[in-house]
Every structure is written in structure tokens, then in C-alpha cells.
Amino acid sequence: MKVNLITQVTNAYPQTFNTLYPFISYSAARVADFQRIDSEARASVQGIKDKTDSLMREMEERNKVAEGILADIQRVAAEQGVSQQAVYFQQASKEHETQATKWL
């Protein structure tokens, strides 16, 4: 009896396999493709995060440089303003001195 069952299973295997292998292959391929797509998507997302972090660091460095340049420009502008005002005060001082000398 057992031998008869084994023989029946052995004889049914080729026909069953030929019927089922396309479905098994398709299922295996779909699972493999989803795994590949998932791993590629994760790699792409990680690449985007890395690039974003790099760009943010670069922007912060450029922002620091820009703030330094702005501070230098403001300092020079302030010095120029003081220098220009000093010329006006010097001219006014000379005029007042001339007027004071005339009044004496």
C-alpha cells in the first residue's frame, strides 16, 4: 500500500510540477522584485538624506562667511560715515574759529 502511494506521487509529480511551476516562478520573481525595489528605494532615500545633510552643512558655512562679510561692510560703512562727519565738523570748526576771530 505504501509503495503504491509512493508510486502514485512519483508518477503525478511531473504533470503537477509542469502545471504549477509557472505560478511558483512568478510568485518567486514578484517577491524578489519587491525586495529589490524596496532596497533600491531605501538606498535612494538614504542618498537623498546624505545629500541634503551635505547641502545644509555647506549652506551653514556659507551663511557664516556671508555674516562675516556683512559685519565687515557695516564696520567699513560706519568708519566711512564717521570720517565724512569728521570733515563736516572740521569745516564747521574752522568757520566758527574764523567768526570768533572776527568778533574779537
N, C-alpha and C. Protein backbone atom coordinates (compact mmCIF):
# COMPACT_ATOMS: atom_id res chain seq x y z
N MET A 1 0.81 -1.19 0.00
CA MET A 1 0.00 0.00 0.00
C MET A 1 0.86 1.26 0.00
N LYS A 2 1.87 1.30 0.88
CA LYS A 2 2.75 2.47 0.93
C LYS A 2 3.53 2.62 -0.37
N VAL A 3 3.96 1.52 -0.90
CA VAL A 3 4.70 1.56 -2.14
C VAL A 3 3.80 2.07 -3.27
N ASN A 4 2.57 1.67 -3.24
CA ASN A 4 1.61 2.11 -4.25
C ASN A 4 1.41 3.63 -4.16
N LEU A 5 1.29 4.18 -2.96
CA LEU A 5 1.13 5.63 -2.78
C LEU A 5 2.37 6.38 -3.25
N ILE A 6 3.53 5.85 -2.92
CA ILE A 6 4.77 6.49 -3.34
C ILE A 6 4.86 6.49 -4.86
N THR A 7 4.47 5.42 -5.48
CA THR A 7 4.49 5.33 -6.93
C THR A 7 3.51 6.32 -7.54
N GLN A 8 2.34 6.46 -6.96
CA GLN A 8 1.35 7.42 -7.47
C GLN A 8 1.87 8.86 -7.35
N VAL A 9 2.50 9.18 -6.22
CA VAL A 9 3.05 10.53 -6.04
C VAL A 9 4.17 10.76 -7.04
N THR A 10 5.03 9.77 -7.21
CA THR A 10 6.15 9.91 -8.14
C THR A 10 5.63 10.09 -9.57
N ASN A 11 4.62 9.35 -9.95
CA ASN A 11 4.07 9.47 -11.30
C ASN A 11 3.31 10.80 -11.50
N ALA A 12 2.71 11.32 -10.44
CA ALA A 12 1.95 12.57 -10.56
C ALA A 12 2.85 13.80 -10.52
N TYR A 13 4.06 13.64 -10.04
CA TYR A 13 4.96 14.79 -9.87
C TYR A 13 5.21 15.57 -11.18
N PRO A 14 5.62 14.91 -12.28
CA PRO A 14 5.92 15.69 -13.49
C PRO A 14 4.72 16.51 -13.98
N GLN A 15 3.56 15.92 -14.02
CA GLN A 15 2.38 16.64 -14.50
C GLN A 15 2.03 17.79 -13.56
N THR A 16 2.09 17.56 -12.26
CA THR A 16 1.78 18.60 -11.28
C THR A 16 2.83 19.71 -11.33
N PHE A 17 4.10 19.30 -11.43
CA PHE A 17 5.16 20.30 -11.48
C PHE A 17 5.01 21.18 -12.72
N ASN A 18 4.76 20.56 -13.86
CA ASN A 18 4.61 21.32 -15.11
C ASN A 18 3.43 22.29 -15.03
N THR A 19 2.41 21.95 -14.27
CA THR A 19 1.26 22.83 -14.12
C THR A 19 1.56 23.98 -13.14
N LEU A 20 2.27 23.65 -12.07
CA LEU A 20 2.46 24.64 -11.00
C LEU A 20 3.72 25.50 -11.14
N TYR A 21 4.74 25.05 -11.88
CA TYR A 21 6.00 25.80 -11.86
C TYR A 21 5.87 27.23 -12.41
N PRO A 22 5.02 27.52 -13.40
CA PRO A 22 4.91 28.93 -13.81
C PRO A 22 4.39 29.82 -12.67
N PHE A 23 3.44 29.30 -11.91
CA PHE A 23 2.91 30.09 -10.79
C PHE A 23 3.95 30.27 -9.69
N ILE A 24 4.68 29.21 -9.42
CA ILE A 24 5.73 29.28 -8.40
C ILE A 24 6.82 30.25 -8.85
N SER A 25 7.23 30.15 -10.12
CA SER A 25 8.26 31.06 -10.63
C SER A 25 7.81 32.51 -10.59
N TYR A 26 6.58 32.74 -11.00
CA TYR A 26 6.05 34.10 -10.99
C TYR A 26 6.01 34.65 -9.57
N SER A 27 5.56 33.86 -8.63
CA SER A 27 5.49 34.30 -7.22
C SER A 27 6.88 34.61 -6.69
N ALA A 28 7.83 33.75 -6.99
CA ALA A 28 9.19 33.97 -6.52
C ALA A 28 9.79 35.23 -7.14
N ALA A 29 9.51 35.44 -8.43
CA ALA A 29 10.03 36.63 -9.10
C ALA A 29 9.40 37.89 -8.54
N ARG A 30 8.11 37.86 -8.25
CA ARG A 30 7.44 39.04 -7.68
C ARG A 30 8.01 39.39 -6.32
N VAL A 31 8.24 38.37 -5.50
CA VAL A 31 8.81 38.62 -4.17
C VAL A 31 10.21 39.19 -4.31
N ALA A 32 11.00 38.62 -5.19
CA ALA A 32 12.37 39.10 -5.38
C ALA A 32 12.37 40.52 -5.91
N ASP A 33 11.47 40.83 -6.85
CA ASP A 33 11.41 42.18 -7.41
C ASP A 33 11.01 43.21 -6.34
N PHE A 34 10.06 42.86 -5.49
CA PHE A 34 9.67 43.79 -4.44
C PHE A 34 10.80 44.01 -3.46
N GLN A 35 11.54 42.98 -3.17
CA GLN A 35 12.68 43.14 -2.27
C GLN A 35 13.73 44.04 -2.91
N ARG A 36 13.98 43.83 -4.20
CA ARG A 36 14.96 44.66 -4.91
C ARG A 36 14.49 46.10 -4.97
N ILE A 37 13.23 46.29 -5.30
CA ILE A 37 12.67 47.64 -5.39
C ILE A 37 12.73 48.32 -4.02
N ASP A 38 12.39 47.58 -2.98
CA ASP A 38 12.43 48.13 -1.63
C ASP A 38 13.86 48.53 -1.24
N SER A 39 14.82 47.67 -1.53
CA SER A 39 16.20 48.00 -1.18
C SER A 39 16.71 49.19 -2.00
N GLU A 40 16.33 49.26 -3.28
CA GLU A 40 16.73 50.41 -4.10
C GLU A 40 16.08 51.69 -3.61
N ALA A 41 14.82 51.59 -3.19
CA ALA A 41 14.13 52.78 -2.67
C ALA A 41 14.78 53.26 -1.39
N ARG A 42 15.10 52.32 -0.51
CA ARG A 42 15.78 52.71 0.74
C ARG A 42 17.13 53.34 0.46
N ALA A 43 17.86 52.78 -0.50
CA ALA A 43 19.17 53.35 -0.85
C ALA A 43 19.00 54.75 -1.43
N SER A 44 17.98 54.95 -2.26
CA SER A 44 17.73 56.28 -2.83
C SER A 44 17.38 57.29 -1.75
N VAL A 45 16.52 56.88 -0.83
CA VAL A 45 16.13 57.79 0.27
C VAL A 45 17.35 58.13 1.11
N GLN A 46 18.19 57.15 1.40
CA GLN A 46 19.39 57.42 2.20
C GLN A 46 20.33 58.36 1.45
N GLY A 47 20.45 58.15 0.13
CA GLY A 47 21.29 59.04 -0.68
C GLY A 47 20.77 60.47 -0.64
N ILE A 48 19.47 60.63 -0.72
CA ILE A 48 18.86 61.97 -0.66
C ILE A 48 19.12 62.60 0.70
N LYS A 49 18.98 61.81 1.77
CA LYS A 49 19.24 62.35 3.12
C LYS A 49 20.69 62.78 3.25
N ASP A 50 21.61 61.96 2.75
CA ASP A 50 23.03 62.31 2.83
C ASP A 50 23.33 63.59 2.05
N LYS A 51 22.77 63.71 0.86
CA LYS A 51 22.99 64.90 0.04
C LYS A 51 22.39 66.13 0.71
N THR A 52 21.21 65.97 1.30
CA THR A 52 20.56 67.08 2.00
C THR A 52 21.41 67.54 3.18
N ASP A 53 21.92 66.58 3.95
CA ASP A 53 22.77 66.94 5.09
C ASP A 53 24.02 67.68 4.62
N SER A 54 24.61 67.20 3.53
CA SER A 54 25.80 67.85 2.98
C SER A 54 25.48 69.28 2.54
N LEU A 55 24.37 69.46 1.85
CA LEU A 55 23.99 70.79 1.39
C LEU A 55 23.68 71.73 2.55
N MET A 56 23.05 71.20 3.60
CA MET A 56 22.74 72.03 4.77
C MET A 56 24.03 72.49 5.45
N ARG A 57 25.00 71.59 5.59
CA ARG A 57 26.29 71.99 6.19
C ARG A 57 26.96 73.06 5.33
N GLU A 58 26.93 72.87 4.01
CA GLU A 58 27.53 73.85 3.11
C GLU A 58 26.83 75.20 3.22
N MET A 59 25.50 75.19 3.30
CA MET A 59 24.75 76.44 3.43
C MET A 59 25.08 77.14 4.75
N GLU A 60 25.23 76.37 5.83
CA GLU A 60 25.57 76.97 7.11
C GLU A 60 26.95 77.62 7.06
N GLU A 61 27.89 76.94 6.40
CA GLU A 61 29.24 77.51 6.27
C GLU A 61 29.19 78.80 5.44
N ARG A 62 28.45 78.79 4.36
CA ARG A 62 28.35 79.99 3.52
C ARG A 62 27.62 81.11 4.26
N ASN A 63 26.66 80.75 5.08
CA ASN A 63 25.95 81.75 5.87
C ASN A 63 26.90 82.43 6.85
N LYS A 64 27.78 81.64 7.48
CA LYS A 64 28.76 82.22 8.40
C LYS A 64 29.70 83.17 7.67
N VAL A 65 30.14 82.76 6.47
CA VAL A 65 31.02 83.63 5.68
C VAL A 65 30.28 84.91 5.29
N ALA A 66 29.03 84.78 4.87
CA ALA A 66 28.24 85.95 4.48
C ALA A 66 28.03 86.89 5.66
N GLU A 67 27.78 86.34 6.85
CA GLU A 67 27.62 87.18 8.04
C GLU A 67 28.91 87.92 8.36
N GLY A 68 30.06 87.25 8.18
CA GLY A 68 31.34 87.91 8.40
C GLY A 68 31.57 89.05 7.42
N ILE A 69 31.23 88.81 6.15
CA ILE A 69 31.37 89.85 5.13
C ILE A 69 30.45 91.02 5.44
N LEU A 70 29.22 90.72 5.84
CA LEU A 70 28.27 91.78 6.18
C LEU A 70 28.78 92.61 7.36
N ALA A 71 29.34 91.95 8.37
CA ALA A 71 29.88 92.67 9.52
C ALA A 71 31.02 93.58 9.08
N ASP A 72 31.88 93.09 8.19
CA ASP A 72 32.99 93.92 7.68
C ASP A 72 32.46 95.12 6.91
N ILE A 73 31.45 94.90 6.08
CA ILE A 73 30.87 96.01 5.30
C ILE A 73 30.25 97.04 6.23
N GLN A 74 29.54 96.57 7.26
CA GLN A 74 28.93 97.51 8.21
C GLN A 74 29.99 98.30 8.96
N ARG A 75 31.08 97.64 9.34
CA ARG A 75 32.16 98.33 10.05
C ARG A 75 32.79 99.39 9.16
N VAL A 76 33.07 99.03 7.91
CA VAL A 76 33.68 99.99 6.97
C VAL A 76 32.71 101.15 6.71
N ALA A 77 31.43 100.84 6.55
CA ALA A 77 30.45 101.90 6.31
C ALA A 77 30.38 102.84 7.51
N ALA A 78 30.44 102.29 8.70
CA ALA A 78 30.40 103.13 9.91
C ALA A 78 31.64 104.01 9.98
N GLU A 79 32.79 103.42 9.69
CA GLU A 79 34.03 104.21 9.70
C GLU A 79 33.97 105.32 8.65
N GLN A 80 33.44 105.00 7.48
CA GLN A 80 33.33 105.99 6.42
C GLN A 80 32.38 107.10 6.85
N GLY A 81 31.29 106.75 7.48
CA GLY A 81 30.34 107.75 7.95
C GLY A 81 30.97 108.66 8.99
N VAL A 82 31.73 108.09 9.92
CA VAL A 82 32.40 108.89 10.94
C VAL A 82 33.43 109.80 10.29
N SER A 83 34.17 109.25 9.32
CA SER A 83 35.18 110.06 8.64
C SER A 83 34.53 111.22 7.90
N GLN A 84 33.43 110.96 7.23
CA GLN A 84 32.74 112.02 6.49
C GLN A 84 32.21 113.08 7.46
N GLN A 85 31.65 112.65 8.57
CA GLN A 85 31.13 113.61 9.56
C GLN A 85 32.28 114.41 10.16
N ALA A 86 33.44 113.76 10.32
CA ALA A 86 34.59 114.48 10.88
C ALA A 86 34.99 115.63 9.96
N VAL A 87 34.90 115.44 8.65
CA VAL A 87 35.22 116.51 7.69
C VAL A 87 34.25 117.67 7.88
N TYR A 88 32.95 117.36 8.04
CA TYR A 88 31.97 118.42 8.24
C TYR A 88 32.24 119.17 9.54
N PHE A 89 32.55 118.44 10.60
CA PHE A 89 32.84 119.08 11.88
C PHE A 89 34.09 119.94 11.78
N GLN A 90 35.09 119.48 11.03
CA GLN A 90 36.33 120.24 10.87
C GLN A 90 36.03 121.55 10.12
N GLN A 91 35.22 121.47 9.07
CA GLN A 91 34.85 122.67 8.33
C GLN A 91 34.07 123.63 9.22
N ALA A 92 33.14 123.10 9.98
CA ALA A 92 32.35 123.95 10.88
C ALA A 92 33.26 124.57 11.94
N SER A 93 34.22 123.82 12.43
CA SER A 93 35.14 124.33 13.45
C SER A 93 35.96 125.50 12.88
N LYS A 94 36.44 125.35 11.64
CA LYS A 94 37.22 126.42 11.02
C LYS A 94 36.36 127.67 10.82
N GLU A 95 35.12 127.48 10.41
CA GLU A 95 34.22 128.62 10.22
C GLU A 95 33.96 129.33 11.54
N HIS A 96 33.72 128.54 12.60
CA HIS A 96 33.48 129.13 13.91
C HIS A 96 34.74 129.85 14.41
N GLU A 97 35.88 129.26 14.16
CA GLU A 97 37.13 129.90 14.59
C GLU A 97 37.34 131.22 13.85
N THR A 98 37.04 131.24 12.55
CA THR A 98 37.17 132.46 11.77
C THR A 98 36.20 133.52 12.28
N GLN A 99 34.98 133.12 12.54
CA GLN A 99 33.98 134.05 13.05
C GLN A 99 34.38 134.55 14.46
N ALA A 100 34.91 133.66 15.25
CA ALA A 100 35.32 134.06 16.61
C ALA A 100 36.45 135.07 16.55
N THR A 101 37.38 134.87 15.61
CA THR A 101 38.49 135.79 15.48
C THR A 101 37.99 137.17 15.04
N LYS A 102 37.02 137.22 14.16
CA LYS A 102 36.46 138.49 13.70
C LYS A 102 35.74 139.22 14.84
N TRP A 103 35.11 138.51 15.72
CA TRP A 103 34.36 139.12 16.80
C TRP A 103 35.27 139.66 17.88
N LEU A 104 36.47 139.13 17.96
CA LEU A 104 37.36 139.61 18.99
C LEU A 104 37.87 140.94 18.57
